[in-house]
Amino acid sequence: GDPDTEEGLKYLKSCSPSNYADNINKPLLIAQGKNDPRVKYEENNIIPKTLKRNNIPVGYVVYCDEGHGFAKLENMLSFVALKEKFLSKHLGGRCEPFDKNNFKNLNIEIKY
């Protein structure tokens, strides 16, 4: 859609996940690169804030040195560990304790 036209803007808004955040009713883990050119950091805060407001469990992690997708091995490995922790908490089961100091040069913000 063309954001410069009324019809295009309406279409783009209809596709935005942020407009459907109130429909989420299960725990959600979100990880984002702070330098993502496609999903702006400021805009992505909408979904986790909405979930918190609605008392839906949310994990929100920002990788400060990544863009759209993860390129750095340490970030990929740390996210696997965070996923394991999140799934263990919400589905049950075991997981290794997460300690960001176990990863070299890890630059993350664990928001929730």
PDB file of N, CA and C in Angstrom:
ATOM      1  N   GLY A   1       0.803  -1.179   0.000  1.00  0.00           N
ATOM      2  CA  GLY A   1       0.000   0.000   0.000  1.00  0.00           C
ATOM      3  C   GLY A   1       0.853   1.252   0.000  1.00  0.00           C
ATOM      4  N   ASP A   2       0.329   2.265  -0.579  1.00  0.00           N
ATOM      5  CA  ASP A   2       1.024   3.554  -0.667  1.00  0.00           C
ATOM      6  C   ASP A   2       0.611   4.419   0.518  1.00  0.00           C
ATOM      7  N   PRO A   3       1.557   4.733   1.427  1.00  0.00           N
ATOM      8  CA  PRO A   3       1.194   5.523   2.597  1.00  0.00           C
ATOM      9  C   PRO A   3       0.809   6.962   2.270  1.00  0.00           C
ATOM     10  N   ASP A   4       1.007   7.373   1.030  1.00  0.00           N
ATOM     11  CA  ASP A   4       0.652   8.733   0.628  1.00  0.00           C
ATOM     12  C   ASP A   4      -0.782   8.848   0.120  1.00  0.00           C
ATOM     13  N   THR A   5      -1.483   7.710   0.066  1.00  0.00           N
ATOM     14  CA  THR A   5      -2.884   7.748  -0.339  1.00  0.00           C
ATOM     15  C   THR A   5      -3.752   7.274   0.824  1.00  0.00           C
ATOM     16  N   GLU A   6      -4.977   7.748   0.870  1.00  0.00           N
ATOM     17  CA  GLU A   6      -5.891   7.361   1.941  1.00  0.00           C
ATOM     18  C   GLU A   6      -6.143   5.860   1.920  1.00  0.00           C
ATOM     19  N   GLU A   7      -6.358   5.311   0.721  1.00  0.00           N
ATOM     20  CA  GLU A   7      -6.620   3.881   0.579  1.00  0.00           C
ATOM     21  C   GLU A   7      -5.395   3.053   0.982  1.00  0.00           C
ATOM     22  N   GLY A   8      -4.214   3.487   0.546  1.00  0.00           N
ATOM     23  CA  GLY A   8      -2.986   2.770   0.881  1.00  0.00           C
ATOM     24  C   GLY A   8      -2.687   2.810   2.362  1.00  0.00           C
ATOM     25  N   LEU A   9      -2.891   3.957   2.985  1.00  0.00           N
ATOM     26  CA  LEU A   9      -2.653   4.092   4.418  1.00  0.00           C
ATOM     27  C   LEU A   9      -3.620   3.209   5.204  1.00  0.00           C
ATOM     28  N   LYS A  10      -4.858   3.178   4.770  1.00  0.00           N
ATOM     29  CA  LYS A  10      -5.862   2.323   5.430  1.00  0.00           C
ATOM     30  C   LYS A  10      -5.446   0.855   5.334  1.00  0.00           C
ATOM     31  N   TYR A  11      -4.957   0.454   4.173  1.00  0.00           N
ATOM     32  CA  TYR A  11      -4.499  -0.930   3.987  1.00  0.00           C
ATOM     33  C   TYR A  11      -3.312  -1.235   4.898  1.00  0.00           C
ATOM     34  N   LEU A  12      -2.339  -0.352   4.941  1.00  0.00           N
ATOM     35  CA  LEU A  12      -1.156  -0.575   5.772  1.00  0.00           C
ATOM     36  C   LEU A  12      -1.527  -0.677   7.255  1.00  0.00           C
ATOM     37  N   LYS A  13      -2.420   0.163   7.702  1.00  0.00           N
ATOM     38  CA  LYS A  13      -2.860   0.101   9.097  1.00  0.00           C
ATOM     39  C   LYS A  13      -3.576  -1.212   9.383  1.00  0.00           C
ATOM     40  N   SER A  14      -4.319  -1.725   8.407  1.00  0.00           N
ATOM     41  CA  SER A  14      -5.032  -2.989   8.606  1.00  0.00           C
ATOM     42  C   SER A  14      -4.065  -4.165   8.727  1.00  0.00           C
ATOM     43  N   CYS A  15      -2.845  -4.016   8.221  1.00  0.00           N
ATOM     44  CA  CYS A  15      -1.845  -5.085   8.268  1.00  0.00           C
ATOM     45  C   CYS A  15      -0.931  -5.000   9.483  1.00  0.00           C
ATOM     46  N   SER A  16      -0.982  -3.918  10.205  1.00  0.00           N
ATOM     47  CA  SER A  16      -0.056  -3.690  11.314  1.00  0.00           C
ATOM     48  C   SER A  16      -0.418  -4.544  12.533  1.00  0.00           C
ATOM     49  N   PRO A  17       0.511  -5.374  13.013  1.00  0.00           N
ATOM     50  CA  PRO A  17       0.236  -6.173  14.215  1.00  0.00           C
ATOM     51  C   PRO A  17      -0.119  -5.317  15.426  1.00  0.00           C
ATOM     52  N   SER A  18       0.394  -4.115  15.492  1.00  0.00           N
ATOM     53  CA  SER A  18       0.103  -3.243  16.641  1.00  0.00           C
ATOM     54  C   SER A  18      -1.394  -2.987  16.797  1.00  0.00           C
ATOM     55  N   ASN A  19      -2.119  -2.987  15.692  1.00  0.00           N
ATOM     56  CA  ASN A  19      -3.556  -2.726  15.746  1.00  0.00           C
ATOM     57  C   ASN A  19      -4.357  -3.917  16.269  1.00  0.00           C
ATOM     58  N   TYR A  20      -3.688  -5.056  16.458  1.00  0.00           N
ATOM     59  CA  TYR A  20      -4.384  -6.259  16.913  1.00  0.00           C
ATOM     60  C   TYR A  20      -3.848  -6.758  18.255  1.00  0.00           C
ATOM     61  N   ALA A  21      -3.022  -5.951  18.912  1.00  0.00           N
ATOM     62  CA  ALA A  21      -2.401  -6.370  20.171  1.00  0.00           C
ATOM     63  C   ALA A  21      -3.434  -6.718  21.238  1.00  0.00           C
ATOM     64  N   ASP A  22      -4.567  -6.047  21.235  1.00  0.00           N
ATOM     65  CA  ASP A  22      -5.609  -6.343  22.229  1.00  0.00           C
ATOM     66  C   ASP A  22      -6.210  -7.726  22.031  1.00  0.00           C
ATOM     67  N   ASN A  23      -5.998  -8.346  20.873  1.00  0.00           N
ATOM     68  CA  ASN A  23      -6.530  -9.683  20.606  1.00  0.00           C
ATOM     69  C   ASN A  23      -5.631 -10.792  21.145  1.00  0.00           C
ATOM     70  N   ILE A  24      -4.401 -10.468  21.525  1.00  0.00           N
ATOM     71  CA  ILE A  24      -3.463 -11.479  22.024  1.00  0.00           C
ATOM     72  C   ILE A  24      -3.878 -11.872  23.429  1.00  0.00           C
ATOM     73  N   ASN A  25      -4.032 -13.188  23.653  1.00  0.00           N
ATOM     74  CA  ASN A  25      -4.476 -13.647  24.965  1.00  0.00           C
ATOM     75  C   ASN A  25      -3.610 -14.774  25.524  1.00  0.00           C
ATOM     76  N   LYS A  26      -2.465 -15.008  24.923  1.00  0.00           N
ATOM     77  CA  LYS A  26      -1.518 -16.028  25.387  1.00  0.00           C
ATOM     78  C   LYS A  26      -0.162 -15.368  25.598  1.00  0.00           C
ATOM     79  N   PRO A  27       0.706 -15.973  26.441  1.00  0.00           N
ATOM     80  CA  PRO A  27       2.033 -15.413  26.651  1.00  0.00           C
ATOM     81  C   PRO A  27       2.789 -15.241  25.338  1.00  0.00           C
ATOM     82  N   LEU A  28       3.536 -14.155  25.257  1.00  0.00           N
ATOM     83  CA  LEU A  28       4.261 -13.830  24.025  1.00  0.00           C
ATOM     84  C   LEU A  28       5.661 -13.345  24.376  1.00  0.00           C
ATOM     85  N   LEU A  29       6.646 -13.881  23.668  1.00  0.00           N
ATOM     86  CA  LEU A  29       8.032 -13.452  23.812  1.00  0.00           C
ATOM     87  C   LEU A  29       8.409 -12.657  22.575  1.00  0.00           C
ATOM     88  N   ILE A  30       8.894 -11.443  22.782  1.00  0.00           N
ATOM     89  CA  ILE A  30       9.275 -10.554  21.682  1.00  0.00           C
ATOM     90  C   ILE A  30      10.753 -10.235  21.820  1.00  0.00           C
ATOM     91  N   ALA A  31      11.480 -10.392  20.732  1.00  0.00           N
ATOM     92  CA  ALA A  31      12.880  -9.968  20.682  1.00  0.00           C
ATOM     93  C   ALA A  31      13.034  -9.067  19.474  1.00  0.00           C
ATOM     94  N   GLN A  32      13.763  -7.994  19.663  1.00  0.00           N
ATOM     95  CA  GLN A  32      13.911  -7.032  18.586  1.00  0.00           C
ATOM     96  C   GLN A  32      15.311  -6.457  18.573  1.00  0.00           C
ATOM     97  N   GLY A  33      15.803  -6.197  17.365  1.00  0.00           N
ATOM     98  CA  GLY A  33      17.039  -5.452  17.214  1.00  0.00           C
ATOM     99  C   GLY A  33      16.729  -3.965  17.326  1.00  0.00           C
ATOM    100  N   LYS A  34      17.486  -3.268  18.135  1.00  0.00           N
ATOM    101  CA  LYS A  34      17.219  -1.843  18.353  1.00  0.00           C
ATOM    102  C   LYS A  34      17.456  -1.018  17.092  1.00  0.00           C
ATOM    103  N   ASN A  35      18.287  -1.535  16.183  1.00  0.00           N
ATOM    104  CA  ASN A  35      18.611  -0.817  14.949  1.00  0.00           C
ATOM    105  C   ASN A  35      17.831  -1.338  13.743  1.00  0.00           C
ATOM    106  N   ASP A  36      16.706  -1.952  13.982  1.00  0.00           N
ATOM    107  CA  ASP A  36      15.892  -2.522  12.907  1.00  0.00           C
ATOM    108  C   ASP A  36      15.328  -1.409  12.036  1.00  0.00           C
ATOM    109  N   PRO A  37      15.661  -1.404  10.738  1.00  0.00           N
ATOM    110  CA  PRO A  37      15.146  -0.351   9.863  1.00  0.00           C
ATOM    111  C   PRO A  37      13.687  -0.561   9.453  1.00  0.00           C
ATOM    112  N   ARG A  38      13.166  -1.787   9.622  1.00  0.00           N
ATOM    113  CA  ARG A  38      11.802  -2.087   9.197  1.00  0.00           C
ATOM    114  C   ARG A  38      10.791  -1.919  10.329  1.00  0.00           C
ATOM    115  N   VAL A  39      11.171  -2.404  11.509  1.00  0.00           N
ATOM    116  CA  VAL A  39      10.291  -2.320  12.677  1.00  0.00           C
ATOM    117  C   VAL A  39      10.963  -1.365  13.655  1.00  0.00           C
ATOM    118  N   LYS A  40      10.501  -0.164  13.667  1.00  0.00           N
ATOM    119  CA  LYS A  40      11.118   0.869  14.497  1.00  0.00           C
ATOM    120  C   LYS A  40      10.971   0.534  15.980  1.00  0.00           C
ATOM    121  N   TYR A  41      12.051   0.727  16.707  1.00  0.00           N
ATOM    122  CA  TYR A  41      12.078   0.432  18.139  1.00  0.00           C
ATOM    123  C   TYR A  41      10.945   1.148  18.869  1.00  0.00           C
ATOM    124  N   GLU A  42      10.752   2.392  18.576  1.00  0.00           N
ATOM    125  CA  GLU A  42       9.727   3.183  19.259  1.00  0.00           C
ATOM    126  C   GLU A  42       8.328   2.635  18.991  1.00  0.00           C
ATOM    127  N   GLU A  43       8.105   2.129  17.786  1.00  0.00           N
ATOM    128  CA  GLU A  43       6.788   1.613  17.423  1.00  0.00           C
ATOM    129  C   GLU A  43       6.543   0.224  18.000  1.00  0.00           C
ATOM    130  N   ASN A  44       7.592  -0.557  18.148  1.00  0.00           N
ATOM    131  CA  ASN A  44       7.416  -1.927  18.618  1.00  0.00           C
ATOM    132  C   ASN A  44       7.061  -1.988  20.095  1.00  0.00           C
ATOM    133  N   ASN A  45       7.246  -0.931  20.824  1.00  0.00           N
ATOM    134  CA  ASN A  45       6.881  -0.921  22.246  1.00  0.00           C
ATOM    135  C   ASN A  45       5.371  -1.022  22.457  1.00  0.00           C
ATOM    136  N   ILE A  46       4.603  -0.760  21.427  1.00  0.00           N
ATOM    137  CA  ILE A  46       3.148  -0.771  21.545  1.00  0.00           C
ATOM    138  C   ILE A  46       2.628  -2.143  21.985  1.00  0.00           C
ATOM    139  N   ILE A  47       3.107  -3.196  21.364  1.00  0.00           N
ATOM    140  CA  ILE A  47       2.590  -4.535  21.661  1.00  0.00           C
ATOM    141  C   ILE A  47       2.917  -4.960  23.090  1.00  0.00           C
ATOM    142  N   PRO A  48       4.180  -4.904  23.535  1.00  0.00           N
ATOM    143  CA  PRO A  48       4.424  -5.323  24.914  1.00  0.00           C
ATOM    144  C   PRO A  48       3.700  -4.457  25.950  1.00  0.00           C
ATOM    145  N   LYS A  49       3.582  -3.170  25.695  1.00  0.00           N
ATOM    146  CA  LYS A  49       2.860  -2.309  26.635  1.00  0.00           C
ATOM    147  C   LYS A  49       1.383  -2.681  26.700  1.00  0.00           C
ATOM    148  N   THR A  50       0.820  -3.008  25.554  1.00  0.00           N
ATOM    149  CA  THR A  50      -0.590  -3.421  25.516  1.00  0.00           C
ATOM    150  C   THR A  50      -0.787  -4.722  26.278  1.00  0.00           C
ATOM    151  N   LEU A  51       0.119  -5.675  26.087  1.00  0.00           N
ATOM    152  CA  LEU A  51       0.003  -6.948  26.796  1.00  0.00           C
ATOM    153  C   LEU A  51       0.129  -6.752  28.303  1.00  0.00           C
ATOM    154  N   LYS A  52       1.082  -5.925  28.716  1.00  0.00           N
ATOM    155  CA  LYS A  52       1.234  -5.643  30.149  1.00  0.00           C
ATOM    156  C   LYS A  52      -0.052  -5.023  30.707  1.00  0.00           C
ATOM    157  N   ARG A  53      -0.599  -4.071  29.969  1.00  0.00           N
ATOM    158  CA  ARG A  53      -1.840  -3.413  30.409  1.00  0.00           C
ATOM    159  C   ARG A  53      -2.980  -4.426  30.543  1.00  0.00           C
ATOM    160  N   ASN A  54      -2.993  -5.427  29.660  1.00  0.00           N
ATOM    161  CA  ASN A  54      -4.053  -6.434  29.659  1.00  0.00           C
ATOM    162  C   ASN A  54      -3.729  -7.648  30.532  1.00  0.00           C
ATOM    163  N   ASN A  55      -2.645  -7.559  31.285  1.00  0.00           N
ATOM    164  CA  ASN A  55      -2.213  -8.652  32.174  1.00  0.00           C
ATOM    165  C   ASN A  55      -1.938  -9.957  31.438  1.00  0.00           C
ATOM    166  N   ILE A  56      -1.404  -9.851  30.231  1.00  0.00           N
ATOM    167  CA  ILE A  56      -0.977 -11.019  29.460  1.00  0.00           C
ATOM    168  C   ILE A  56       0.532 -11.139  29.659  1.00  0.00           C
ATOM    169  N   PRO A  57       1.031 -12.315  30.030  1.00  0.00           N
ATOM    170  CA  PRO A  57       2.476 -12.472  30.223  1.00  0.00           C
ATOM    171  C   PRO A  57       3.242 -12.146  28.933  1.00  0.00           C
ATOM    172  N   VAL A  58       4.261 -11.316  29.078  1.00  0.00           N
ATOM    173  CA  VAL A  58       5.057 -10.917  27.917  1.00  0.00           C
ATOM    174  C   VAL A  58       6.526 -10.863  28.316  1.00  0.00           C
ATOM    175  N   GLY A  59       7.354 -11.356  27.428  1.00  0.00           N
ATOM    176  CA  GLY A  59       8.793 -11.183  27.546  1.00  0.00           C
ATOM    177  C   GLY A  59       9.216 -10.254  26.418  1.00  0.00           C
ATOM    178  N   TYR A  60      10.034  -9.271  26.733  1.00  0.00           N
ATOM    179  CA  TYR A  60      10.440  -8.304  25.714  1.00  0.00           C
ATOM    180  C   TYR A  60      11.923  -8.029  25.881  1.00  0.00           C
ATOM    181  N   VAL A  61      12.687  -8.417  24.883  1.00  0.00           N
ATOM    182  CA  VAL A  61      14.135  -8.283  24.913  1.00  0.00           C
ATOM    183  C   VAL A  61      14.579  -7.478  23.696  1.00  0.00           C
ATOM    184  N   VAL A  62      15.424  -6.484  23.935  1.00  0.00           N
ATOM    185  CA  VAL A  62      15.952  -5.652  22.856  1.00  0.00           C
ATOM    186  C   VAL A  62      17.445  -5.921  22.735  1.00  0.00           C
ATOM    187  N   TYR A  63      17.850  -6.293  21.541  1.00  0.00           N
ATOM    188  CA  TYR A  63      19.266  -6.491  21.236  1.00  0.00           C
ATOM    189  C   TYR A  63      19.784  -5.191  20.638  1.00  0.00           C
ATOM    190  N   CYS A  64      20.607  -4.492  21.416  1.00  0.00           N
ATOM    191  CA  CYS A  64      21.016  -3.124  21.076  1.00  0.00           C
ATOM    192  C   CYS A  64      21.942  -3.039  19.878  1.00  0.00           C
ATOM    193  N   ASP A  65      22.578  -4.133  19.516  1.00  0.00           N
ATOM    194  CA  ASP A  65      23.535  -4.106  18.402  1.00  0.00           C
ATOM    195  C   ASP A  65      23.074  -4.942  17.212  1.00  0.00           C
ATOM    196  N   GLU A  66      21.766  -5.107  17.073  1.00  0.00           N
ATOM    197  CA  GLU A  66      21.212  -5.866  15.953  1.00  0.00           C
ATOM    198  C   GLU A  66      20.210  -5.024  15.180  1.00  0.00           C
ATOM    199  N   GLY A  67      19.959  -5.464  13.967  1.00  0.00           N
ATOM    200  CA  GLY A  67      18.963  -4.832  13.116  1.00  0.00           C
ATOM    201  C   GLY A  67      17.763  -5.755  12.986  1.00  0.00           C
ATOM    202  N   HIS A  68      17.342  -6.007  11.744  1.00  0.00           N
ATOM    203  CA  HIS A  68      16.197  -6.877  11.467  1.00  0.00           C
ATOM    204  C   HIS A  68      16.717  -8.310  11.363  1.00  0.00           C
ATOM    205  N   GLY A  69      16.531  -9.085  12.415  1.00  0.00           N
ATOM    206  CA  GLY A  69      17.099 -10.424  12.484  1.00  0.00           C
ATOM    207  C   GLY A  69      18.414 -10.377  13.244  1.00  0.00           C
ATOM    208  N   PHE A  70      18.866 -11.534  13.661  1.00  0.00           N
ATOM    209  CA  PHE A  70      20.099 -11.598  14.422  1.00  0.00           C
ATOM    210  C   PHE A  70      21.247 -12.040  13.531  1.00  0.00           C
ATOM    211  N   ALA A  71      22.353 -11.326  13.606  1.00  0.00           N
ATOM    212  CA  ALA A  71      23.536 -11.662  12.817  1.00  0.00           C
ATOM    213  C   ALA A  71      24.668 -12.188  13.698  1.00  0.00           C
ATOM    214  N   LYS A  72      24.657 -11.822  14.972  1.00  0.00           N
ATOM    215  CA  LYS A  72      25.760 -12.170  15.864  1.00  0.00           C
ATOM    216  C   LYS A  72      25.458 -13.461  16.626  1.00  0.00           C
ATOM    217  N   LEU A  73      26.442 -14.357  16.621  1.00  0.00           N
ATOM    218  CA  LEU A  73      26.271 -15.669  17.242  1.00  0.00           C
ATOM    219  C   LEU A  73      25.898 -15.559  18.720  1.00  0.00           C
ATOM    220  N   GLU A  74      26.543 -14.689  19.465  1.00  0.00           N
ATOM    221  CA  GLU A  74      26.233 -14.543  20.890  1.00  0.00           C
ATOM    222  C   GLU A  74      24.772 -14.153  21.104  1.00  0.00           C
ATOM    223  N   ASN A  75      24.259 -13.314  20.234  1.00  0.00           N
ATOM    224  CA  ASN A  75      22.854 -12.904  20.345  1.00  0.00           C
ATOM    225  C   ASN A  75      21.923 -14.064  20.036  1.00  0.00           C
ATOM    226  N   MET A  76      22.253 -14.833  19.019  1.00  0.00           N
ATOM    227  CA  MET A  76      21.433 -15.995  18.677  1.00  0.00           C
ATOM    228  C   MET A  76      21.395 -16.993  19.832  1.00  0.00           C
ATOM    229  N   LEU A  77      22.568 -17.268  20.398  1.00  0.00           N
ATOM    230  CA  LEU A  77      22.639 -18.233  21.502  1.00  0.00           C
ATOM    231  C   LEU A  77      21.918 -17.728  22.748  1.00  0.00           C
ATOM    232  N   SER A  78      22.068 -16.453  23.035  1.00  0.00           N
ATOM    233  CA  SER A  78      21.389 -15.916  24.211  1.00  0.00           C
ATOM    234  C   SER A  78      19.876 -15.950  24.027  1.00  0.00           C
ATOM    235  N   PHE A  79      19.414 -15.723  22.799  1.00  0.00           N
ATOM    236  CA  PHE A  79      17.971 -15.762  22.584  1.00  0.00           C
ATOM    237  C   PHE A  79      17.429 -17.187  22.718  1.00  0.00           C
ATOM    238  N   VAL A  80      18.207 -18.174  22.311  1.00  0.00           N
ATOM    239  CA  VAL A  80      17.790 -19.563  22.527  1.00  0.00           C
ATOM    240  C   VAL A  80      17.618 -19.817  24.022  1.00  0.00           C
ATOM    241  N   ALA A  81      18.566 -19.330  24.824  1.00  0.00           N
ATOM    242  CA  ALA A  81      18.479 -19.502  26.275  1.00  0.00           C
ATOM    243  C   ALA A  81      17.266 -18.772  26.848  1.00  0.00           C
ATOM    244  N   LEU A  82      16.997 -17.567  26.349  1.00  0.00           N
ATOM    245  CA  LEU A  82      15.830 -16.813  26.827  1.00  0.00           C
ATOM    246  C   LEU A  82      14.519 -17.480  26.415  1.00  0.00           C
ATOM    247  N   LYS A  83      14.489 -18.056  25.216  1.00  0.00           N
ATOM    248  CA  LYS A  83      13.292 -18.789  24.782  1.00  0.00           C
ATOM    249  C   LYS A  83      13.049 -19.990  25.687  1.00  0.00           C
ATOM    250  N   GLU A  84      14.126 -20.704  26.002  1.00  0.00           N
ATOM    251  CA  GLU A  84      13.999 -21.861  26.879  1.00  0.00           C
ATOM    252  C   GLU A  84      13.428 -21.437  28.238  1.00  0.00           C
ATOM    253  N   LYS A  85      13.935 -20.348  28.777  1.00  0.00           N
ATOM    254  CA  LYS A  85      13.456 -19.844  30.068  1.00  0.00           C
ATOM    255  C   LYS A  85      11.975 -19.449  29.984  1.00  0.00           C
ATOM    256  N   PHE A  86      11.610 -18.750  28.920  1.00  0.00           N
ATOM    257  CA  PHE A  86      10.225 -18.299  28.736  1.00  0.00           C
ATOM    258  C   PHE A  86       9.278 -19.491  28.599  1.00  0.00           C
ATOM    259  N   LEU A  87       9.652 -20.457  27.770  1.00  0.00           N
ATOM    260  CA  LEU A  87       8.796 -21.628  27.563  1.00  0.00           C
ATOM    261  C   LEU A  87       8.673 -22.458  28.839  1.00  0.00           C
ATOM    262  N   SER A  88       9.769 -22.577  29.566  1.00  0.00           N
ATOM    263  CA  SER A  88       9.726 -23.316  30.829  1.00  0.00           C
ATOM    264  C   SER A  88       8.756 -22.656  31.810  1.00  0.00           C
ATOM    265  N   LYS A  89       8.821 -21.341  31.867  1.00  0.00           N
ATOM    266  CA  LYS A  89       7.950 -20.607  32.789  1.00  0.00           C
ATOM    267  C   LYS A  89       6.475 -20.764  32.426  1.00  0.00           C
ATOM    268  N   HIS A  90       6.159 -20.727  31.135  1.00  0.00           N
ATOM    269  CA  HIS A  90       4.752 -20.696  30.720  1.00  0.00           C
ATOM    270  C   HIS A  90       4.178 -22.045  30.299  1.00  0.00           C
ATOM    271  N   LEU A  91       5.055 -23.007  30.006  1.00  0.00           N
ATOM    272  CA  LEU A  91       4.571 -24.334  29.621  1.00  0.00           C
ATOM    273  C   LEU A  91       4.964 -25.405  30.620  1.00  0.00           C
ATOM    274  N   GLY A  92       5.883 -25.056  31.502  1.00  0.00           N
ATOM    275  CA  GLY A  92       6.379 -26.029  32.474  1.00  0.00           C
ATOM    276  C   GLY A  92       7.627 -26.712  31.934  1.00  0.00           C
ATOM    277  N   GLY A  93       8.322 -27.378  32.806  1.00  0.00           N
ATOM    278  CA  GLY A  93       9.535 -28.079  32.396  1.00  0.00           C
ATOM    279  C   GLY A  93      10.779 -27.411  32.944  1.00  0.00           C
ATOM    280  N   ARG A  94      11.907 -27.985  32.593  1.00  0.00           N
ATOM    281  CA  ARG A  94      13.185 -27.514  33.115  1.00  0.00           C
ATOM    282  C   ARG A  94      13.839 -26.548  32.145  1.00  0.00           C
ATOM    283  N   CYS A  95      14.763 -25.764  32.693  1.00  0.00           N
ATOM    284  CA  CYS A  95      15.610 -24.933  31.841  1.00  0.00           C
ATOM    285  C   CYS A  95      16.878 -24.586  32.599  1.00  0.00           C
ATOM    286  N   GLU A  96      17.892 -24.283  31.855  1.00  0.00           N
ATOM    287  CA  GLU A  96      19.136 -23.811  32.452  1.00  0.00           C
ATOM    288  C   GLU A  96      18.918 -22.384  32.931  1.00  0.00           C
ATOM    289  N   PRO A  97      19.541 -21.997  34.035  1.00  0.00           N
ATOM    290  CA  PRO A  97      19.415 -20.605  34.467  1.00  0.00           C
ATOM    291  C   PRO A  97      20.039 -19.675  33.421  1.00  0.00           C
ATOM    292  N   PHE A  98      19.422 -18.533  33.225  1.00  0.00           N
ATOM    293  CA  PHE A  98      19.951 -17.556  32.263  1.00  0.00           C
ATOM    294  C   PHE A  98      20.790 -16.531  33.011  1.00  0.00           C
ATOM    295  N   ASP A  99      22.015 -16.342  32.546  1.00  0.00           N
ATOM    296  CA  ASP A  99      22.903 -15.321  33.087  1.00  0.00           C
ATOM    297  C   ASP A  99      23.572 -14.635  31.909  1.00  0.00           C
ATOM    298  N   LYS A 100      23.225 -13.380  31.673  1.00  0.00           N
ATOM    299  CA  LYS A 100      23.772 -12.700  30.505  1.00  0.00           C
ATOM    300  C   LYS A 100      25.285 -12.547  30.581  1.00  0.00           C
ATOM    301  N   ASN A 101      25.861 -12.716  31.752  1.00  0.00           N
ATOM    302  CA  ASN A 101      27.318 -12.653  31.879  1.00  0.00           C
ATOM    303  C   ASN A 101      28.010 -13.873  31.280  1.00  0.00           C
ATOM    304  N   ASN A 102      27.239 -14.913  30.957  1.00  0.00           N
ATOM    305  CA  ASN A 102      27.807 -16.097  30.308  1.00  0.00           C
ATOM    306  C   ASN A 102      28.045 -15.884  28.819  1.00  0.00           C
ATOM    307  N   PHE A 103      27.634 -14.751  28.305  1.00  0.00           N
ATOM    308  CA  PHE A 103      27.780 -14.455  26.883  1.00  0.00           C
ATOM    309  C   PHE A 103      28.721 -13.268  26.716  1.00  0.00           C
ATOM    310  N   LYS A 104      29.701 -13.419  25.837  1.00  0.00           N
ATOM    311  CA  LYS A 104      30.668 -12.342  25.603  1.00  0.00           C
ATOM    312  C   LYS A 104      30.015 -11.197  24.845  1.00  0.00           C
ATOM    313  N   ASN A 105      30.294  -9.999  25.269  1.00  0.00           N
ATOM    314  CA  ASN A 105      29.867  -8.792  24.551  1.00  0.00           C
ATOM    315  C   ASN A 105      28.371  -8.726  24.287  1.00  0.00           C
ATOM    316  N   LEU A 106      27.576  -9.273  25.179  1.00  0.00           N
ATOM    317  CA  LEU A 106      26.125  -9.241  25.002  1.00  0.00           C
ATOM    318  C   LEU A 106      25.596  -7.875  25.389  1.00  0.00           C
ATOM    319  N   ASN A 107      24.898  -7.236  24.474  1.00  0.00           N
ATOM    320  CA  ASN A 107      24.370  -5.890  24.698  1.00  0.00           C
ATOM    321  C   ASN A 107      22.852  -5.947  24.532  1.00  0.00           C
ATOM    322  N   ILE A 108      22.167  -6.337  25.595  1.00  0.00           N
ATOM    323  CA  ILE A 108      20.713  -6.468  25.532  1.00  0.00           C
ATOM    324  C   ILE A 108      20.051  -5.700  26.659  1.00  0.00           C
ATOM    325  N   GLU A 109      18.788  -5.382  26.415  1.00  0.00           N
ATOM    326  CA  GLU A 109      17.931  -4.801  27.440  1.00  0.00           C
ATOM    327  C   GLU A 109      16.775  -5.765  27.629  1.00  0.00           C
ATOM    328  N   ILE A 110      16.663  -6.331  28.809  1.00  0.00           N
ATOM    329  CA  ILE A 110      15.525  -7.193  29.109  1.00  0.00           C
ATOM    330  C   ILE A 110      14.475  -6.306  29.741  1.00  0.00           C
ATOM    331  N   LYS A 111      13.484  -5.974  28.932  1.00  0.00           N
ATOM    332  CA  LYS A 111      12.455  -5.012  29.368  1.00  0.00           C
ATOM    333  C   LYS A 111      11.460  -5.664  30.323  1.00  0.00           C
ATOM    334  N   TYR A 112      10.975  -6.846  29.954  1.00  0.00           N
ATOM    335  CA  TYR A 112      10.006  -7.574  30.789  1.00  0.00           C
ATOM    336  C   TYR A 112      10.423  -9.030  30.833  1.00  0.00           C
TER     337      TYR A 112
END
